[in-house]
């Protein structure tokens, strides 16, 4: 009887994920977006930005995405040519992860986006990778709005 219960929990988790209808990119695609060939990165950014942005239109308001995106833009402003400012910006980006986690706990509809962004943050270690992260997030936001997200 005890082996039956964990199986039920796993099935429930799968259904909950399907309920939102969000297909998240595999880690290999995230690596391509953040650190791969520039053209392949752009293609993956466009393709997955559209998939995720469109899927999020049902559950997530544009203001909720913009709230997180605004923090990313603030970090972008601090990321400059000097090593000290780069380190500060990288620190701020890493500290965005607990904020994402907090928002995900407060608003369940933010959870999948927050988890995706946190995974990507782990791969960012320089300005170029950060810019690719910003481009991907911007694509999600743009496609969310284009799909009719409120």
N, C-alpha and C. Protein backbone atom coordinates (compact mmCIF):
# COMPACT_ATOMS: atom_id res chain seq x y z
N UNK A 1 0.81 -1.20 0.00
CA UNK A 1 0.00 0.00 0.00
C UNK A 1 0.86 1.27 0.00
N UNK A 2 1.99 1.22 0.64
CA UNK A 2 2.85 2.40 0.69
C UNK A 2 3.49 2.71 -0.66
N UNK A 3 3.67 1.71 -1.53
CA UNK A 3 4.23 1.98 -2.85
C UNK A 3 3.20 2.62 -3.77
N UNK A 4 1.94 2.44 -3.49
CA UNK A 4 0.88 3.01 -4.33
C UNK A 4 0.77 4.53 -4.17
N UNK A 5 0.96 4.99 -2.97
CA UNK A 5 0.78 6.41 -2.68
C UNK A 5 1.77 7.32 -3.41
N UNK A 6 3.08 7.05 -3.40
CA UNK A 6 4.00 7.92 -4.14
C UNK A 6 3.67 7.99 -5.62
N UNK A 7 3.22 6.89 -6.19
CA UNK A 7 2.83 6.88 -7.60
C UNK A 7 1.66 7.83 -7.84
N UNK A 8 0.70 7.83 -6.92
CA UNK A 8 -0.43 8.76 -7.05
C UNK A 8 0.06 10.20 -6.97
N UNK A 9 1.02 10.47 -6.10
CA UNK A 9 1.54 11.83 -5.98
C UNK A 9 2.23 12.25 -7.27
N UNK A 10 3.03 11.36 -7.86
CA UNK A 10 3.71 11.70 -9.11
C UNK A 10 2.70 11.99 -10.22
N UNK A 11 1.65 11.19 -10.30
CA UNK A 11 0.64 11.42 -11.32
C UNK A 11 -0.04 12.76 -11.10
N UNK A 12 -0.30 13.10 -9.86
CA UNK A 12 -0.92 14.39 -9.55
C UNK A 12 -0.03 15.55 -9.95
N UNK A 13 1.28 15.39 -9.73
CA UNK A 13 2.21 16.44 -10.11
C UNK A 13 2.23 16.62 -11.62
N UNK A 14 2.21 15.51 -12.35
CA UNK A 14 2.21 15.59 -13.81
C UNK A 14 0.95 16.30 -14.31
N UNK A 15 -0.18 15.97 -13.73
CA UNK A 15 -1.43 16.60 -14.15
C UNK A 15 -1.40 18.09 -13.85
N UNK A 16 -0.86 18.45 -12.71
CA UNK A 16 -0.79 19.87 -12.37
C UNK A 16 0.06 20.62 -13.39
N UNK A 17 1.18 20.03 -13.78
CA UNK A 17 2.04 20.66 -14.77
C UNK A 17 1.32 20.78 -16.11
N UNK A 18 0.58 19.75 -16.49
CA UNK A 18 -0.15 19.77 -17.74
C UNK A 18 -1.31 20.76 -17.68
N UNK A 19 -1.84 20.98 -16.50
CA UNK A 19 -2.95 21.91 -16.34
C UNK A 19 -2.56 23.30 -16.84
N UNK A 20 -1.32 23.71 -16.58
CA UNK A 20 -0.85 25.01 -17.04
C UNK A 20 -0.53 25.00 -18.52
N UNK A 21 -0.26 23.82 -19.09
CA UNK A 21 -0.01 23.71 -20.52
C UNK A 21 1.30 24.31 -20.97
N UNK A 22 2.27 24.38 -20.08
CA UNK A 22 3.55 24.98 -20.43
C UNK A 22 4.58 23.88 -20.67
N UNK A 23 5.09 23.86 -21.88
CA UNK A 23 6.18 22.94 -22.21
C UNK A 23 7.47 23.72 -22.02
N UNK A 24 8.27 23.29 -21.07
CA UNK A 24 9.52 23.98 -20.80
C UNK A 24 10.64 23.36 -21.62
N UNK A 25 11.59 24.18 -22.06
CA UNK A 25 12.68 23.66 -22.89
C UNK A 25 13.60 22.74 -22.08
N UNK A 26 14.15 21.73 -22.74
CA UNK A 26 15.13 20.88 -22.06
C UNK A 26 16.41 21.67 -21.77
N UNK A 27 17.21 21.15 -20.86
CA UNK A 27 18.45 21.83 -20.46
C UNK A 27 19.36 22.10 -21.65
N UNK A 28 19.38 21.19 -22.62
CA UNK A 28 20.24 21.39 -23.79
C UNK A 28 19.83 22.64 -24.57
N UNK A 29 18.54 22.91 -24.64
CA UNK A 29 18.05 24.11 -25.34
C UNK A 29 18.41 25.36 -24.53
N UNK A 30 18.28 25.28 -23.22
CA UNK A 30 18.65 26.42 -22.37
C UNK A 30 20.14 26.74 -22.56
N UNK A 31 20.96 25.70 -22.65
CA UNK A 31 22.39 25.92 -22.88
C UNK A 31 22.64 26.57 -24.23
N UNK A 32 21.89 26.15 -25.25
CA UNK A 32 22.02 26.75 -26.57
C UNK A 32 21.63 28.22 -26.52
N UNK A 33 20.55 28.53 -25.83
CA UNK A 33 20.09 29.91 -25.73
C UNK A 33 21.14 30.78 -25.05
N UNK A 34 21.69 30.30 -23.94
CA UNK A 34 22.62 31.09 -23.14
C UNK A 34 24.04 31.11 -23.70
N UNK A 35 24.51 29.97 -24.21
CA UNK A 35 25.94 29.90 -24.55
C UNK A 35 26.24 29.29 -25.92
N UNK A 36 25.23 28.97 -26.69
CA UNK A 36 25.47 28.31 -27.97
C UNK A 36 25.80 29.26 -29.10
N UNK A 37 25.89 28.68 -30.29
CA UNK A 37 26.12 29.45 -31.51
C UNK A 37 25.12 30.61 -31.57
N UNK A 38 25.56 31.82 -31.92
CA UNK A 38 24.66 32.98 -31.91
C UNK A 38 23.39 32.81 -32.75
N UNK A 39 23.50 32.22 -33.92
CA UNK A 39 22.31 32.05 -34.78
C UNK A 39 21.38 30.99 -34.19
N UNK A 40 21.95 29.88 -33.73
CA UNK A 40 21.13 28.83 -33.11
C UNK A 40 20.48 29.35 -31.83
N UNK A 41 21.20 30.18 -31.10
CA UNK A 41 20.66 30.79 -29.89
C UNK A 41 19.46 31.66 -30.22
N UNK A 42 19.58 32.48 -31.26
CA UNK A 42 18.48 33.36 -31.67
C UNK A 42 17.26 32.55 -32.10
N UNK A 43 17.50 31.47 -32.85
CA UNK A 43 16.39 30.62 -33.30
C UNK A 43 15.68 29.98 -32.11
N UNK A 44 16.46 29.45 -31.16
CA UNK A 44 15.87 28.82 -29.98
C UNK A 44 15.15 29.86 -29.12
N UNK A 45 15.72 31.05 -29.02
CA UNK A 45 15.08 32.13 -28.26
C UNK A 45 13.72 32.46 -28.85
N UNK A 46 13.66 32.58 -30.16
CA UNK A 46 12.40 32.90 -30.82
C UNK A 46 11.39 31.76 -30.66
N UNK A 47 11.82 30.54 -30.96
CA UNK A 47 10.91 29.38 -30.90
C UNK A 47 10.35 29.17 -29.50
N UNK A 48 11.24 29.11 -28.51
CA UNK A 48 10.80 28.82 -27.15
C UNK A 48 10.17 30.04 -26.48
N UNK A 49 10.60 31.23 -26.84
CA UNK A 49 9.93 32.43 -26.33
C UNK A 49 8.47 32.46 -26.74
N UNK A 50 8.22 32.07 -27.99
CA UNK A 50 6.84 32.01 -28.49
C UNK A 50 6.04 30.92 -27.78
N UNK A 51 6.61 29.73 -27.65
CA UNK A 51 5.90 28.62 -26.99
C UNK A 51 5.53 28.99 -25.55
N UNK A 52 6.50 29.50 -24.82
CA UNK A 52 6.27 29.79 -23.41
C UNK A 52 5.38 31.01 -23.24
N UNK A 53 5.65 32.08 -23.98
CA UNK A 53 4.82 33.28 -23.88
C UNK A 53 3.37 33.01 -24.20
N UNK A 54 3.12 32.23 -25.23
CA UNK A 54 1.75 31.88 -25.62
C UNK A 54 1.09 31.01 -24.56
N UNK A 55 1.83 30.04 -24.03
CA UNK A 55 1.28 29.15 -23.01
C UNK A 55 0.95 29.90 -21.72
N UNK A 56 1.72 30.92 -21.40
CA UNK A 56 1.51 31.66 -20.16
C UNK A 56 0.35 32.64 -20.23
N UNK A 57 -0.17 32.91 -21.42
CA UNK A 57 -1.22 33.94 -21.56
C UNK A 57 -2.46 33.62 -20.74
N UNK A 58 -2.75 32.35 -20.53
CA UNK A 58 -3.95 31.96 -19.79
C UNK A 58 -3.86 32.32 -18.31
N UNK A 59 -2.72 32.02 -17.71
CA UNK A 59 -2.61 32.08 -16.26
C UNK A 59 -1.88 33.31 -15.71
N UNK A 60 -1.09 33.94 -16.54
CA UNK A 60 -0.20 34.98 -16.04
C UNK A 60 -0.52 36.32 -16.67
N UNK A 61 -0.61 37.34 -15.84
CA UNK A 61 -0.86 38.69 -16.36
C UNK A 61 0.48 39.31 -16.79
N UNK A 62 0.40 40.17 -17.79
CA UNK A 62 1.59 40.85 -18.28
C UNK A 62 2.29 41.60 -17.15
N UNK A 63 1.52 42.19 -16.25
CA UNK A 63 2.09 42.94 -15.13
C UNK A 63 2.95 42.04 -14.24
N UNK A 64 2.54 40.78 -14.08
CA UNK A 64 3.32 39.85 -13.26
C UNK A 64 4.67 39.55 -13.92
N UNK A 65 4.66 39.40 -15.24
CA UNK A 65 5.92 39.15 -15.95
C UNK A 65 6.77 40.41 -15.94
N UNK A 66 6.15 41.55 -16.17
CA UNK A 66 6.89 42.82 -16.20
C UNK A 66 7.52 43.14 -14.85
N UNK A 67 6.87 42.74 -13.78
CA UNK A 67 7.41 42.96 -12.44
C UNK A 67 8.78 42.29 -12.32
N UNK A 68 8.87 41.05 -12.77
CA UNK A 68 10.14 40.32 -12.74
C UNK A 68 11.10 40.91 -13.77
N UNK A 69 10.59 41.18 -14.96
CA UNK A 69 11.43 41.71 -16.04
C UNK A 69 12.03 43.06 -15.65
N UNK A 70 11.28 43.87 -14.92
CA UNK A 70 11.79 45.16 -14.46
C UNK A 70 13.03 45.01 -13.60
N UNK A 71 13.05 43.99 -12.76
CA UNK A 71 14.23 43.73 -11.93
C UNK A 71 15.42 43.34 -12.79
N UNK A 72 15.16 42.56 -13.83
CA UNK A 72 16.22 42.16 -14.75
C UNK A 72 16.77 43.39 -15.48
N UNK A 73 15.89 44.29 -15.89
CA UNK A 73 16.33 45.53 -16.56
C UNK A 73 17.19 46.39 -15.63
N UNK A 74 16.84 46.43 -14.34
CA UNK A 74 17.65 47.18 -13.38
C UNK A 74 19.06 46.61 -13.31
N UNK A 75 19.15 45.30 -13.28
CA UNK A 75 20.46 44.64 -13.26
C UNK A 75 21.22 44.97 -14.54
N UNK A 76 20.52 44.97 -15.65
CA UNK A 76 21.15 45.26 -16.94
C UNK A 76 21.79 46.65 -16.95
N UNK A 77 21.14 47.61 -16.30
CA UNK A 77 21.68 48.97 -16.26
C UNK A 77 23.01 49.02 -15.50
N UNK A 78 23.16 48.16 -14.49
CA UNK A 78 24.38 48.17 -13.69
C UNK A 78 25.51 47.39 -14.33
N UNK A 79 25.17 46.52 -15.26
CA UNK A 79 26.20 45.69 -15.87
C UNK A 79 26.97 46.55 -16.86
N UNK A 80 28.18 46.89 -16.52
CA UNK A 80 28.97 47.81 -17.35
C UNK A 80 30.31 47.18 -17.72
N UNK A 81 31.19 48.02 -18.22
CA UNK A 81 32.48 47.55 -18.71
C UNK A 81 33.47 47.22 -17.59
N UNK A 82 33.29 47.80 -16.41
CA UNK A 82 34.26 47.55 -15.35
C UNK A 82 33.96 46.24 -14.64
N UNK A 83 35.00 45.59 -14.21
CA UNK A 83 34.87 44.29 -13.56
C UNK A 83 34.07 44.39 -12.26
N UNK A 84 34.26 45.47 -11.51
CA UNK A 84 33.55 45.65 -10.25
C UNK A 84 32.05 45.72 -10.48
N UNK A 85 31.64 46.49 -11.47
CA UNK A 85 30.21 46.60 -11.76
C UNK A 85 29.66 45.29 -12.31
N UNK A 86 30.45 44.58 -13.10
CA UNK A 86 30.03 43.27 -13.60
C UNK A 86 29.77 42.31 -12.44
N UNK A 87 30.67 42.30 -11.47
CA UNK A 87 30.52 41.40 -10.32
C UNK A 87 29.29 41.78 -9.49
N UNK A 88 29.05 43.07 -9.34
CA UNK A 88 27.86 43.52 -8.61
C UNK A 88 26.59 43.11 -9.34
N UNK A 89 26.58 43.29 -10.64
CA UNK A 89 25.41 42.91 -11.44
C UNK A 89 25.19 41.40 -11.38
N UNK A 90 26.27 40.64 -11.45
CA UNK A 90 26.15 39.19 -11.38
C UNK A 90 25.61 38.77 -10.01
N UNK A 91 26.08 39.43 -8.97
CA UNK A 91 25.58 39.16 -7.62
C UNK A 91 24.09 39.45 -7.54
N UNK A 92 23.67 40.59 -8.07
CA UNK A 92 22.25 40.95 -8.05
C UNK A 92 21.41 39.95 -8.83
N UNK A 93 21.96 39.45 -9.93
CA UNK A 93 21.24 38.45 -10.73
C UNK A 93 21.05 37.16 -9.93
N UNK A 94 22.10 36.72 -9.26
CA UNK A 94 22.00 35.51 -8.44
C UNK A 94 20.98 35.71 -7.33
N UNK A 95 20.97 36.90 -6.73
CA UNK A 95 20.02 37.18 -5.65
C UNK A 95 18.59 37.39 -6.15
N UNK A 96 18.42 37.42 -7.46
CA UNK A 96 17.06 37.44 -8.02
C UNK A 96 16.38 36.09 -7.82
N UNK A 97 17.16 35.02 -7.72
CA UNK A 97 16.59 33.68 -7.56
C UNK A 97 15.70 33.56 -6.32
N UNK A 98 16.12 34.02 -5.13
CA UNK A 98 15.22 33.93 -3.99
C UNK A 98 13.96 34.78 -4.16
N UNK A 99 14.08 35.89 -4.86
CA UNK A 99 12.90 36.73 -5.12
C UNK A 99 11.92 36.01 -6.04
N UNK A 100 12.47 35.31 -7.03
CA UNK A 100 11.62 34.52 -7.92
C UNK A 100 10.91 33.42 -7.14
N UNK A 101 11.65 32.77 -6.26
CA UNK A 101 11.08 31.70 -5.45
C UNK A 101 9.95 32.23 -4.58
N UNK A 102 10.17 33.40 -3.99
CA UNK A 102 9.14 34.03 -3.15
C UNK A 102 7.88 34.32 -3.96
N UNK A 103 8.05 34.91 -5.14
CA UNK A 103 6.89 35.20 -5.98
C UNK A 103 6.17 33.93 -6.40
N UNK A 104 6.94 32.88 -6.68
CA UNK A 104 6.34 31.61 -7.07
C UNK A 104 5.51 31.02 -5.94
N UNK A 105 5.95 31.20 -4.72
CA UNK A 105 5.19 30.69 -3.57
C UNK A 105 3.94 31.54 -3.32
N UNK A 106 4.03 32.82 -3.58
CA UNK A 106 2.87 33.70 -3.39
C UNK A 106 1.82 33.51 -4.48
N UNK A 107 2.29 33.33 -5.71
CA UNK A 107 1.38 33.22 -6.86
C UNK A 107 1.77 31.99 -7.66
N UNK A 108 1.00 30.95 -7.54
CA UNK A 108 1.32 29.67 -8.16
C UNK A 108 1.50 29.79 -9.68
N UNK A 109 0.78 30.72 -10.31
CA UNK A 109 0.88 30.84 -11.77
C UNK A 109 2.26 31.34 -12.23
N UNK A 110 3.05 31.88 -11.31
CA UNK A 110 4.40 32.37 -11.64
C UNK A 110 5.43 31.24 -11.51
N UNK A 111 5.05 30.15 -10.89
CA UNK A 111 5.99 29.10 -10.50
C UNK A 111 6.84 28.57 -11.65
N UNK A 112 6.23 28.16 -12.74
CA UNK A 112 6.99 27.55 -13.83
C UNK A 112 7.94 28.55 -14.49
N UNK A 113 7.49 29.78 -14.66
CA UNK A 113 8.36 30.81 -15.22
C UNK A 113 9.53 31.07 -14.28
N UNK A 114 9.25 31.17 -12.99
CA UNK A 114 10.31 31.42 -12.00
C UNK A 114 11.34 30.30 -12.00
N UNK A 115 10.88 29.05 -12.08
CA UNK A 115 11.81 27.92 -12.10
C UNK A 115 12.67 27.94 -13.36
N UNK A 116 12.07 28.26 -14.49
CA UNK A 116 12.81 28.35 -15.74
C UNK A 116 13.88 29.43 -15.66
N UNK A 117 13.50 30.61 -15.20
CA UNK A 117 14.44 31.72 -15.10
C UNK A 117 15.58 31.41 -14.13
N UNK A 118 15.26 30.76 -13.02
CA UNK A 118 16.29 30.40 -12.04
C UNK A 118 17.30 29.43 -12.66
N UNK A 119 16.83 28.47 -13.44
CA UNK A 119 17.73 27.55 -14.14
C UNK A 119 18.67 28.30 -15.08
N UNK A 120 18.12 29.28 -15.76
CA UNK A 120 18.92 30.05 -16.71
C UNK A 120 19.93 30.94 -16.00
N UNK A 121 19.53 31.52 -14.89
CA UNK A 121 20.43 32.38 -14.12
C UNK A 121 21.68 31.60 -13.73
N UNK A 122 21.52 30.33 -13.41
CA UNK A 122 22.66 29.50 -13.02
C UNK A 122 23.71 29.40 -14.13
N UNK A 123 23.32 29.62 -15.37
CA UNK A 123 24.25 29.51 -16.50
C UNK A 123 24.91 30.84 -16.88
N UNK A 124 24.43 31.93 -16.30
CA UNK A 124 24.94 33.26 -16.67
C UNK A 124 26.17 33.59 -15.84
N UNK A 125 27.30 33.79 -16.53
CA UNK A 125 28.52 34.16 -15.82
C UNK A 125 29.30 35.28 -16.52
N UNK A 126 28.68 35.90 -17.53
CA UNK A 126 29.32 37.05 -18.17
C UNK A 126 28.25 37.90 -18.87
N UNK A 127 28.67 39.04 -19.36
CA UNK A 127 27.76 40.01 -19.98
C UNK A 127 27.03 39.44 -21.19
N UNK A 128 27.74 38.71 -22.05
CA UNK A 128 27.12 38.15 -23.25
C UNK A 128 26.01 37.16 -22.89
N UNK A 129 26.30 36.29 -21.95
CA UNK A 129 25.28 35.31 -21.52
C UNK A 129 24.10 36.02 -20.85
N UNK A 130 24.41 37.06 -20.09
CA UNK A 130 23.32 37.82 -19.47
C UNK A 130 22.43 38.45 -20.54
N UNK A 131 23.04 39.00 -21.57
CA UNK A 131 22.26 39.63 -22.64
C UNK A 131 21.36 38.60 -23.33
N UNK A 132 21.85 37.40 -23.51
CA UNK A 132 21.03 36.34 -24.11
C UNK A 132 19.87 35.97 -23.20
N UNK A 133 20.13 35.95 -21.89
CA UNK A 133 19.07 35.72 -20.91
C UNK A 133 18.00 36.80 -21.03
N UNK A 134 18.43 38.05 -21.11
CA UNK A 134 17.50 39.18 -21.25
C UNK A 134 16.70 39.05 -22.55
N UNK A 135 17.37 38.72 -23.64
CA UNK A 135 16.69 38.56 -24.93
C UNK A 135 15.61 37.48 -24.86
N UNK A 136 15.93 36.37 -24.20
CA UNK A 136 14.96 35.28 -24.08
C UNK A 136 13.76 35.71 -23.24
N UNK A 137 14.04 36.35 -22.13
CA UNK A 137 12.96 36.81 -21.26
C UNK A 137 12.09 37.83 -22.00
N UNK A 138 12.73 38.70 -22.75
CA UNK A 138 12.01 39.70 -23.54
C UNK A 138 11.12 39.03 -24.60
N UNK A 139 11.61 37.95 -25.20
CA UNK A 139 10.82 37.21 -26.19
C UNK A 139 9.59 36.60 -25.54
N UNK A 140 9.75 36.04 -24.35
CA UNK A 140 8.60 35.48 -23.63
C UNK A 140 7.56 36.57 -23.38
N UNK A 141 8.00 37.71 -22.90
CA UNK A 141 7.10 38.82 -22.61
C UNK A 141 6.40 39.31 -23.88
N UNK A 142 7.15 39.46 -24.96
CA UNK A 142 6.57 39.95 -26.22
C UNK A 142 5.53 38.98 -26.78
N UNK A 143 5.86 37.69 -26.79
CA UNK A 143 4.91 36.71 -27.31
C UNK A 143 3.71 36.54 -26.39
N UNK A 144 3.92 36.72 -25.10
CA UNK A 144 2.80 36.67 -24.16
C UNK A 144 1.80 37.78 -24.49
N UNK A 145 2.31 38.97 -24.69
CA UNK A 145 1.45 40.12 -25.02
C UNK A 145 0.80 39.93 -26.38
N UNK A 146 1.56 39.46 -27.37
CA UNK A 146 1.03 39.25 -28.72
C UNK A 146 -0.06 38.19 -28.74
N UNK A 147 0.03 37.22 -27.83
CA UNK A 147 -0.97 36.15 -27.78
C UNK A 147 -2.23 36.57 -27.04
N UNK A 148 -2.24 37.79 -26.55
CA UNK A 148 -3.43 38.28 -25.86
C UNK A 148 -3.34 38.24 -24.36
N UNK A 149 -2.12 38.06 -23.83
CA UNK A 149 -1.96 38.09 -22.38
C UNK A 149 -2.38 39.45 -21.84
N UNK A 150 -3.05 39.42 -20.72
CA UNK A 150 -3.60 40.66 -20.15
C UNK A 150 -2.57 41.42 -19.36
